[in-house]
N, C-alpha and C. Protein backbone atom coordinates (compact mmCIF):
# COMPACT_ATOMS: atom_id res chain seq x y z
N MET A 1 -18.38 29.31 31.79
CA MET A 1 -18.97 28.44 30.73
C MET A 1 -19.54 27.23 31.43
N THR A 2 -20.75 26.79 31.09
CA THR A 2 -21.41 25.66 31.63
C THR A 2 -20.74 24.32 30.97
N GLU A 3 -20.96 23.27 31.57
CA GLU A 3 -20.57 21.89 30.96
C GLU A 3 -21.13 21.77 29.54
N MET A 4 -22.40 22.08 29.28
CA MET A 4 -22.95 21.95 28.04
C MET A 4 -22.23 22.88 27.01
N GLU A 5 -21.99 24.06 27.35
CA GLU A 5 -21.28 25.11 26.53
C GLU A 5 -19.90 24.49 26.25
N ARG A 6 -19.22 23.95 27.15
CA ARG A 6 -17.82 23.33 26.95
C ARG A 6 -18.00 22.17 25.99
N ASN A 7 -18.95 21.34 26.19
CA ASN A 7 -19.08 20.18 25.28
C ASN A 7 -19.41 20.59 23.90
N ILE A 8 -20.23 21.62 23.66
CA ILE A 8 -20.52 22.13 22.38
C ILE A 8 -19.28 22.76 21.74
N GLN A 9 -18.53 23.61 22.55
CA GLN A 9 -17.35 24.14 22.05
C GLN A 9 -16.32 23.04 21.59
N TYR A 10 -16.13 22.00 22.39
CA TYR A 10 -15.29 20.97 22.02
C TYR A 10 -15.75 20.28 20.73
N LEU A 11 -16.97 19.97 20.50
CA LEU A 11 -17.45 19.40 19.26
C LEU A 11 -17.21 20.35 18.11
N MET A 12 -17.42 21.64 18.29
CA MET A 12 -17.22 22.62 17.26
C MET A 12 -15.73 22.70 16.88
N ASP A 13 -14.83 22.62 17.80
CA ASP A 13 -13.41 22.60 17.67
C ASP A 13 -12.98 21.31 16.93
N LEU A 14 -13.51 20.26 17.31
CA LEU A 14 -13.25 18.90 16.70
C LEU A 14 -13.60 19.01 15.14
N GLU A 15 -14.79 19.49 14.88
CA GLU A 15 -15.27 19.56 13.46
C GLU A 15 -14.38 20.65 12.65
N ALA A 16 -13.95 21.67 13.34
CA ALA A 16 -13.14 22.64 12.67
C ALA A 16 -11.76 22.09 12.32
N ILE A 17 -11.20 21.26 13.19
CA ILE A 17 -9.94 20.64 12.82
C ILE A 17 -10.08 19.58 11.77
N LYS A 18 -11.25 18.84 11.67
CA LYS A 18 -11.41 17.92 10.57
C LYS A 18 -11.61 18.72 9.31
N ARG A 19 -12.25 19.88 9.39
CA ARG A 19 -12.38 20.71 8.11
C ARG A 19 -10.98 21.26 7.65
N LEU A 20 -10.11 21.63 8.64
CA LEU A 20 -8.76 22.11 8.28
C LEU A 20 -8.01 20.98 7.58
N ARG A 21 -8.13 19.82 8.08
CA ARG A 21 -7.45 18.69 7.32
C ARG A 21 -8.10 18.41 5.98
N ALA A 22 -9.35 18.43 5.89
CA ALA A 22 -9.98 18.33 4.56
C ALA A 22 -9.56 19.43 3.54
N LEU A 23 -9.47 20.62 4.08
CA LEU A 23 -9.02 21.79 3.24
C LEU A 23 -7.49 21.64 2.77
N TYR A 24 -6.68 20.98 3.73
CA TYR A 24 -5.35 20.69 3.36
C TYR A 24 -5.37 19.83 2.09
N ALA A 25 -6.17 18.74 2.12
CA ALA A 25 -6.21 17.75 0.93
C ALA A 25 -6.67 18.47 -0.30
N TYR A 26 -7.77 19.27 -0.10
CA TYR A 26 -8.33 19.89 -1.34
C TYR A 26 -7.37 20.89 -1.97
N HIS A 27 -6.68 21.68 -1.12
CA HIS A 27 -5.79 22.67 -1.78
C HIS A 27 -4.60 22.04 -2.37
N VAL A 28 -4.09 21.04 -1.71
CA VAL A 28 -2.89 20.27 -2.26
C VAL A 28 -3.20 19.60 -3.62
N ASP A 29 -4.35 18.90 -3.56
CA ASP A 29 -4.82 18.15 -4.74
C ASP A 29 -5.20 19.00 -5.94
N HIS A 30 -5.48 20.29 -5.67
CA HIS A 30 -5.86 21.23 -6.80
C HIS A 30 -4.81 22.30 -6.95
N PHE A 31 -3.55 22.10 -6.48
CA PHE A 31 -2.35 22.99 -6.67
C PHE A 31 -2.62 24.43 -6.26
N GLU A 32 -3.40 24.60 -5.20
CA GLU A 32 -3.77 25.96 -4.60
C GLU A 32 -2.75 26.23 -3.44
N MET A 33 -1.54 26.60 -3.93
CA MET A 33 -0.46 26.59 -2.95
C MET A 33 -0.63 27.75 -1.85
N GLN A 34 -1.02 28.95 -2.26
CA GLN A 34 -1.16 30.00 -1.36
C GLN A 34 -2.27 29.61 -0.28
N ALA A 35 -3.40 29.14 -0.76
CA ALA A 35 -4.50 28.77 0.23
C ALA A 35 -3.98 27.63 1.14
N TRP A 36 -3.23 26.64 0.56
CA TRP A 36 -2.69 25.63 1.40
C TRP A 36 -1.73 26.09 2.50
N ALA A 37 -0.76 26.98 2.06
CA ALA A 37 0.17 27.60 3.04
C ALA A 37 -0.50 28.29 4.14
N GLU A 38 -1.64 29.00 3.81
CA GLU A 38 -2.30 29.81 4.78
C GLU A 38 -3.06 28.98 5.80
N LEU A 39 -3.11 27.61 5.69
CA LEU A 39 -3.61 26.71 6.65
C LEU A 39 -2.61 26.61 7.83
N PHE A 40 -1.37 26.99 7.57
CA PHE A 40 -0.34 26.95 8.61
C PHE A 40 -0.12 28.18 9.32
N THR A 41 0.29 28.07 10.61
CA THR A 41 0.78 29.33 11.24
C THR A 41 1.94 30.00 10.51
N GLU A 42 2.22 31.28 10.78
CA GLU A 42 3.31 31.84 10.12
C GLU A 42 4.70 31.06 10.31
N ASP A 43 4.90 30.53 11.49
CA ASP A 43 6.06 29.74 11.74
C ASP A 43 5.75 28.22 11.71
N GLY A 44 4.74 27.82 10.98
CA GLY A 44 4.42 26.41 10.88
C GLY A 44 5.43 25.55 10.23
N VAL A 45 5.38 24.29 10.47
CA VAL A 45 6.38 23.28 9.98
C VAL A 45 5.65 22.23 9.24
N PHE A 46 6.21 21.96 7.95
CA PHE A 46 5.72 20.79 7.18
C PHE A 46 6.88 19.83 6.98
N ASP A 47 6.83 18.57 7.60
CA ASP A 47 7.99 17.78 7.74
C ASP A 47 7.62 16.38 7.13
N ILE A 48 8.17 16.11 6.02
CA ILE A 48 7.98 14.76 5.32
C ILE A 48 9.29 14.02 5.40
N ASP A 49 9.15 12.73 5.87
CA ASP A 49 10.41 11.96 6.03
C ASP A 49 11.16 11.74 4.76
N THR A 50 10.44 11.61 3.60
CA THR A 50 11.11 11.36 2.38
C THR A 50 11.59 12.63 1.61
N LEU A 51 10.87 13.66 1.88
CA LEU A 51 11.18 14.85 1.00
C LEU A 51 11.72 16.11 1.66
N GLY A 52 11.79 16.10 3.06
CA GLY A 52 12.39 17.21 3.67
C GLY A 52 11.55 17.95 4.73
N ARG A 53 12.07 18.95 5.28
CA ARG A 53 11.48 19.73 6.44
C ARG A 53 11.35 21.20 5.90
N PHE A 54 10.18 21.74 5.96
CA PHE A 54 9.94 23.06 5.44
C PHE A 54 9.45 23.95 6.63
N GLU A 55 10.19 24.96 7.01
CA GLU A 55 9.83 25.83 8.17
C GLU A 55 9.32 27.14 7.84
N GLY A 56 8.12 27.46 8.23
CA GLY A 56 7.62 28.86 7.95
C GLY A 56 6.88 28.78 6.52
N ARG A 57 5.90 29.76 6.48
CA ARG A 57 5.05 29.71 5.30
C ARG A 57 5.84 29.97 3.95
N GLU A 58 6.85 30.80 3.99
CA GLU A 58 7.70 31.01 2.84
C GLU A 58 8.37 29.70 2.27
N GLN A 59 8.86 28.84 3.14
CA GLN A 59 9.40 27.56 2.72
C GLN A 59 8.35 26.55 2.34
N ILE A 60 7.27 26.55 3.03
CA ILE A 60 6.07 25.74 2.63
C ILE A 60 5.60 26.05 1.36
N LEU A 61 5.53 27.47 0.97
CA LEU A 61 5.06 27.79 -0.33
C LEU A 61 6.04 27.22 -1.41
N GLY A 62 7.29 27.03 -1.12
CA GLY A 62 8.35 26.59 -2.03
C GLY A 62 8.35 25.02 -2.21
N PHE A 63 7.54 24.34 -1.39
CA PHE A 63 7.47 22.97 -1.57
C PHE A 63 6.89 22.58 -2.94
N GLN A 64 7.54 21.62 -3.62
CA GLN A 64 7.06 21.21 -4.90
C GLN A 64 6.06 19.99 -4.76
N LEU A 65 4.88 20.37 -5.15
CA LEU A 65 3.81 19.36 -5.12
C LEU A 65 4.07 18.28 -6.10
N LEU A 66 3.37 17.09 -5.83
CA LEU A 66 3.42 16.00 -6.72
C LEU A 66 2.47 16.50 -7.94
N PRO A 67 2.90 15.98 -9.16
CA PRO A 67 2.07 16.46 -10.31
C PRO A 67 0.70 15.87 -10.31
N PHE A 68 0.54 14.76 -9.56
CA PHE A 68 -0.87 14.20 -9.41
C PHE A 68 -0.86 13.53 -8.07
N ALA A 69 -1.95 13.78 -7.34
CA ALA A 69 -2.17 13.14 -5.97
C ALA A 69 -3.63 13.36 -5.57
N ILE A 70 -4.08 12.37 -4.90
CA ILE A 70 -5.42 12.32 -4.34
C ILE A 70 -5.24 11.86 -2.89
N HIS A 71 -5.51 12.83 -2.03
CA HIS A 71 -5.23 12.53 -0.51
C HIS A 71 -6.64 11.97 -0.02
N TYR A 72 -6.46 10.72 0.45
CA TYR A 72 -7.61 10.05 1.28
C TYR A 72 -7.10 10.03 2.67
N MET A 73 -7.63 10.86 3.53
CA MET A 73 -7.21 10.86 4.98
C MET A 73 -8.35 10.28 5.81
N THR A 74 -7.93 9.36 6.63
CA THR A 74 -9.05 8.67 7.51
C THR A 74 -8.54 8.50 8.88
N ASN A 75 -9.36 7.89 9.70
CA ASN A 75 -9.09 7.43 11.08
C ASN A 75 -8.52 8.56 11.93
N PRO A 76 -9.28 9.74 11.96
CA PRO A 76 -8.69 10.86 12.86
C PRO A 76 -8.79 10.60 14.40
N ILE A 77 -7.69 10.81 14.97
CA ILE A 77 -7.57 10.75 16.46
C ILE A 77 -7.07 12.15 16.87
N ILE A 78 -8.08 12.86 17.46
CA ILE A 78 -7.82 14.31 17.76
C ILE A 78 -7.97 14.50 19.27
N ASP A 79 -7.00 15.08 19.82
CA ASP A 79 -7.00 15.43 21.31
C ASP A 79 -6.84 16.93 21.41
N ILE A 80 -7.92 17.52 21.98
CA ILE A 80 -7.88 19.00 22.22
C ILE A 80 -7.49 19.30 23.58
N ALA A 81 -6.61 20.15 23.89
CA ALA A 81 -6.16 20.55 25.19
C ALA A 81 -7.29 21.12 26.02
N ALA A 82 -7.18 21.05 27.36
CA ALA A 82 -8.23 21.61 28.17
C ALA A 82 -8.52 23.02 27.97
N ASP A 83 -7.51 23.76 27.59
CA ASP A 83 -7.67 25.13 27.48
C ASP A 83 -8.32 25.54 26.15
N GLY A 84 -8.40 24.58 25.19
CA GLY A 84 -9.09 24.80 23.93
C GLY A 84 -8.27 25.55 22.93
N ARG A 85 -7.02 25.80 23.18
CA ARG A 85 -6.27 26.54 22.28
C ARG A 85 -5.21 25.79 21.47
N THR A 86 -4.90 24.62 21.87
CA THR A 86 -4.07 23.71 21.13
C THR A 86 -4.65 22.29 21.10
N ALA A 87 -4.09 21.46 20.14
CA ALA A 87 -4.60 20.12 19.86
C ALA A 87 -3.53 19.37 19.17
N GLN A 88 -3.69 18.03 19.24
CA GLN A 88 -2.80 17.19 18.49
C GLN A 88 -3.73 16.16 17.77
N GLY A 89 -3.27 15.71 16.49
CA GLY A 89 -4.05 14.84 15.68
C GLY A 89 -3.18 13.80 15.08
N LYS A 90 -3.85 12.70 14.79
CA LYS A 90 -3.18 11.55 14.03
C LYS A 90 -4.17 11.13 12.97
N TRP A 91 -3.63 10.90 11.81
CA TRP A 91 -4.55 10.47 10.65
C TRP A 91 -3.75 9.43 9.85
N LEU A 92 -4.54 8.66 9.07
CA LEU A 92 -3.91 7.76 8.09
C LEU A 92 -4.11 8.29 6.77
N LEU A 93 -3.19 8.13 5.81
CA LEU A 93 -3.26 8.59 4.43
C LEU A 93 -3.09 7.35 3.55
N LEU A 94 -4.03 7.44 2.55
CA LEU A 94 -3.93 6.57 1.36
C LEU A 94 -3.88 7.47 0.24
N GLU A 95 -2.89 7.32 -0.68
CA GLU A 95 -2.71 8.31 -1.78
C GLU A 95 -2.17 7.74 -3.04
N PRO A 96 -3.06 7.64 -4.01
CA PRO A 96 -2.57 7.33 -5.39
C PRO A 96 -1.89 8.70 -5.93
N CYS A 97 -0.76 8.50 -6.39
CA CYS A 97 -0.01 9.74 -6.82
C CYS A 97 1.01 9.36 -7.95
N SER A 98 1.58 10.50 -8.53
CA SER A 98 2.66 10.30 -9.51
C SER A 98 3.83 11.19 -8.98
N ILE A 99 4.96 10.65 -9.23
CA ILE A 99 6.24 11.38 -8.75
C ILE A 99 7.38 11.01 -9.51
N SER A 100 8.37 11.86 -9.72
CA SER A 100 9.61 11.50 -10.35
C SER A 100 10.64 11.42 -9.11
N LEU A 101 11.18 10.22 -9.05
CA LEU A 101 12.18 9.99 -7.88
C LEU A 101 13.42 10.56 -8.12
N GLU A 102 13.79 10.96 -9.24
CA GLU A 102 15.06 11.71 -9.51
C GLU A 102 14.75 12.80 -10.55
N ALA A 103 15.50 13.92 -10.44
CA ALA A 103 15.36 15.02 -11.37
C ALA A 103 15.57 14.49 -12.86
N GLY A 104 14.66 14.93 -13.70
CA GLY A 104 14.76 14.57 -15.11
C GLY A 104 14.26 13.19 -15.46
N GLN A 105 13.84 12.46 -14.49
CA GLN A 105 13.21 11.10 -14.71
C GLN A 105 11.75 11.25 -14.96
N PRO A 106 11.19 10.35 -15.73
CA PRO A 106 9.75 10.33 -16.02
C PRO A 106 8.88 10.11 -14.70
N GLN A 107 7.69 10.64 -14.71
CA GLN A 107 6.80 10.46 -13.56
C GLN A 107 6.36 8.88 -13.38
N ARG A 108 6.26 8.48 -12.18
CA ARG A 108 5.90 7.06 -11.94
C ARG A 108 4.66 7.06 -11.11
N PRO A 109 3.65 6.24 -11.49
CA PRO A 109 2.51 6.17 -10.60
C PRO A 109 2.77 5.32 -9.34
N LEU A 110 2.40 5.79 -8.21
CA LEU A 110 2.61 5.11 -6.97
C LEU A 110 1.37 5.01 -6.14
N TRP A 111 1.39 4.04 -5.30
CA TRP A 111 0.43 3.96 -4.12
C TRP A 111 1.22 4.38 -3.01
N GLY A 112 0.64 5.41 -2.26
CA GLY A 112 1.31 5.75 -0.96
C GLY A 112 0.43 5.62 0.16
N ALA A 113 1.05 5.31 1.28
CA ALA A 113 0.30 5.17 2.54
C ALA A 113 1.24 5.79 3.59
N ALA A 114 0.64 6.58 4.52
CA ALA A 114 1.55 7.25 5.53
C ALA A 114 0.65 7.55 6.71
N ARG A 115 1.27 8.03 7.71
CA ARG A 115 0.47 8.54 8.88
C ARG A 115 0.92 10.01 9.11
N TYR A 116 -0.06 10.81 9.40
CA TYR A 116 0.18 12.22 9.75
C TYR A 116 0.11 12.43 11.17
N GLU A 117 0.98 13.23 11.82
CA GLU A 117 1.10 13.51 13.26
C GLU A 117 1.12 15.07 13.21
N ASP A 118 -0.01 15.68 13.69
CA ASP A 118 -0.31 17.03 13.62
C ASP A 118 -0.22 17.76 14.89
N GLU A 119 0.17 19.00 14.90
CA GLU A 119 -0.12 19.89 16.09
C GLU A 119 -0.86 21.02 15.44
N TYR A 120 -1.93 21.47 16.27
CA TYR A 120 -2.76 22.56 15.84
C TYR A 120 -2.81 23.56 16.96
N VAL A 121 -3.07 24.83 16.53
CA VAL A 121 -3.16 25.91 17.47
C VAL A 121 -4.26 26.85 16.87
N LYS A 122 -5.09 27.44 17.85
CA LYS A 122 -6.15 28.32 17.48
C LYS A 122 -5.53 29.65 17.45
N VAL A 123 -5.71 30.39 16.31
CA VAL A 123 -5.19 31.70 16.03
C VAL A 123 -6.38 32.60 15.66
N ASP A 124 -6.59 33.56 16.45
CA ASP A 124 -7.75 34.42 16.21
C ASP A 124 -9.15 33.72 15.89
N GLY A 125 -9.23 32.70 16.71
CA GLY A 125 -10.49 31.93 16.64
C GLY A 125 -10.55 30.84 15.63
N ALA A 126 -9.44 30.70 14.75
CA ALA A 126 -9.41 29.75 13.68
C ALA A 126 -8.31 28.68 13.97
N TRP A 127 -8.53 27.46 13.69
CA TRP A 127 -7.64 26.48 13.84
C TRP A 127 -6.62 26.37 12.63
N LYS A 128 -5.23 26.36 13.02
CA LYS A 128 -4.14 26.32 12.07
C LYS A 128 -3.23 25.20 12.38
N PHE A 129 -2.43 24.70 11.29
CA PHE A 129 -1.44 23.72 11.51
C PHE A 129 -0.21 24.42 12.15
N LYS A 130 0.29 23.94 13.28
CA LYS A 130 1.56 24.36 13.91
C LYS A 130 2.63 23.39 13.25
N LEU A 131 2.26 22.13 13.13
CA LEU A 131 3.15 21.08 12.58
C LEU A 131 2.36 20.13 11.82
N VAL A 132 2.85 19.67 10.72
CA VAL A 132 2.32 18.58 9.93
C VAL A 132 3.54 17.73 9.70
N LYS A 133 3.45 16.52 10.27
CA LYS A 133 4.53 15.51 10.15
C LYS A 133 4.01 14.30 9.42
N LEU A 134 4.63 14.02 8.28
CA LEU A 134 4.13 12.83 7.54
C LEU A 134 5.20 11.72 7.67
N ARG A 135 4.84 10.50 8.14
CA ARG A 135 5.71 9.46 8.27
C ARG A 135 5.27 8.27 7.33
N SER A 136 6.16 7.87 6.44
CA SER A 136 5.75 7.00 5.42
C SER A 136 5.52 5.51 5.88
N ILE A 137 4.56 4.89 5.29
CA ILE A 137 4.31 3.50 5.61
C ILE A 137 4.68 2.70 4.33
N MET A 138 4.27 3.17 3.10
CA MET A 138 4.63 2.60 1.86
C MET A 138 4.52 3.58 0.73
N TRP A 139 5.40 3.40 -0.28
CA TRP A 139 5.31 4.18 -1.49
C TRP A 139 5.68 3.09 -2.58
N SER A 140 4.68 2.53 -3.15
CA SER A 140 4.86 1.31 -4.03
C SER A 140 4.44 1.65 -5.39
N PRO A 141 5.27 1.11 -6.40
CA PRO A 141 4.90 1.43 -7.80
C PRO A 141 3.51 0.74 -8.09
N PHE A 142 2.71 1.49 -8.78
CA PHE A 142 1.47 1.06 -9.14
C PHE A 142 1.42 -0.37 -9.85
N GLU A 143 2.33 -0.49 -10.73
CA GLU A 143 2.39 -1.64 -11.58
C GLU A 143 2.80 -2.95 -10.85
N SER A 144 3.55 -2.79 -9.70
CA SER A 144 4.03 -3.97 -9.05
C SER A 144 3.17 -4.22 -7.69
N GLY A 145 2.58 -3.10 -7.24
CA GLY A 145 1.84 -3.15 -6.02
C GLY A 145 2.85 -3.23 -4.72
N TRP A 146 2.14 -3.18 -3.60
CA TRP A 146 2.89 -3.10 -2.34
C TRP A 146 3.49 -4.41 -1.79
N GLU A 147 3.05 -5.50 -2.43
CA GLU A 147 3.73 -6.76 -1.93
C GLU A 147 5.06 -6.95 -2.46
N LYS A 148 5.21 -6.50 -3.75
CA LYS A 148 6.53 -6.76 -4.37
C LYS A 148 7.42 -5.61 -4.11
N ALA A 149 7.06 -4.43 -3.93
CA ALA A 149 7.89 -3.26 -3.70
C ALA A 149 7.22 -2.28 -2.78
N ARG A 150 7.49 -2.38 -1.44
CA ARG A 150 6.75 -1.50 -0.51
C ARG A 150 7.38 -0.17 -0.40
N ASN A 151 8.62 0.08 -0.68
CA ASN A 151 9.13 1.45 -0.50
C ASN A 151 10.06 1.78 -1.63
N VAL A 152 9.74 2.63 -2.59
CA VAL A 152 10.59 2.94 -3.70
C VAL A 152 11.80 3.76 -3.30
N TRP A 153 11.82 4.29 -2.06
CA TRP A 153 12.96 5.07 -1.61
C TRP A 153 13.98 4.25 -0.85
N ALA A 154 13.64 2.91 -0.57
CA ALA A 154 14.63 2.12 0.10
C ALA A 154 15.69 1.59 -0.69
């Protein structure tokens, strides 16, 4: 493979990983659980610091989505391994959402912010999530904002 071909492949992989992350948001926000879970490898892991760790597609499919969420993901930092088969990524998340903090309690509107730390692997020519790790920055009630209450789980 020539240097130009390697560079083109790198850019194609970079865009494919960005599309993977965009599909993640689209499927989650539209409650398309099967399509969302298929973005992960069979043994993929979805790890959220506030809600738990889900290992394998079956557990990922069992994750209870928020009743309302819009994922705005920005600032991608993506590093593709030299062999072109694995990669790592970091993203920032801003998310208006609704959630019930305790079973049976009413939904509360929140502002969320977090960082994603991802591991990707190329499977049969397509990029998949091996690991999606979400680490919270804030989950603040809409009505009070992040200066008065930065973390509703604290």
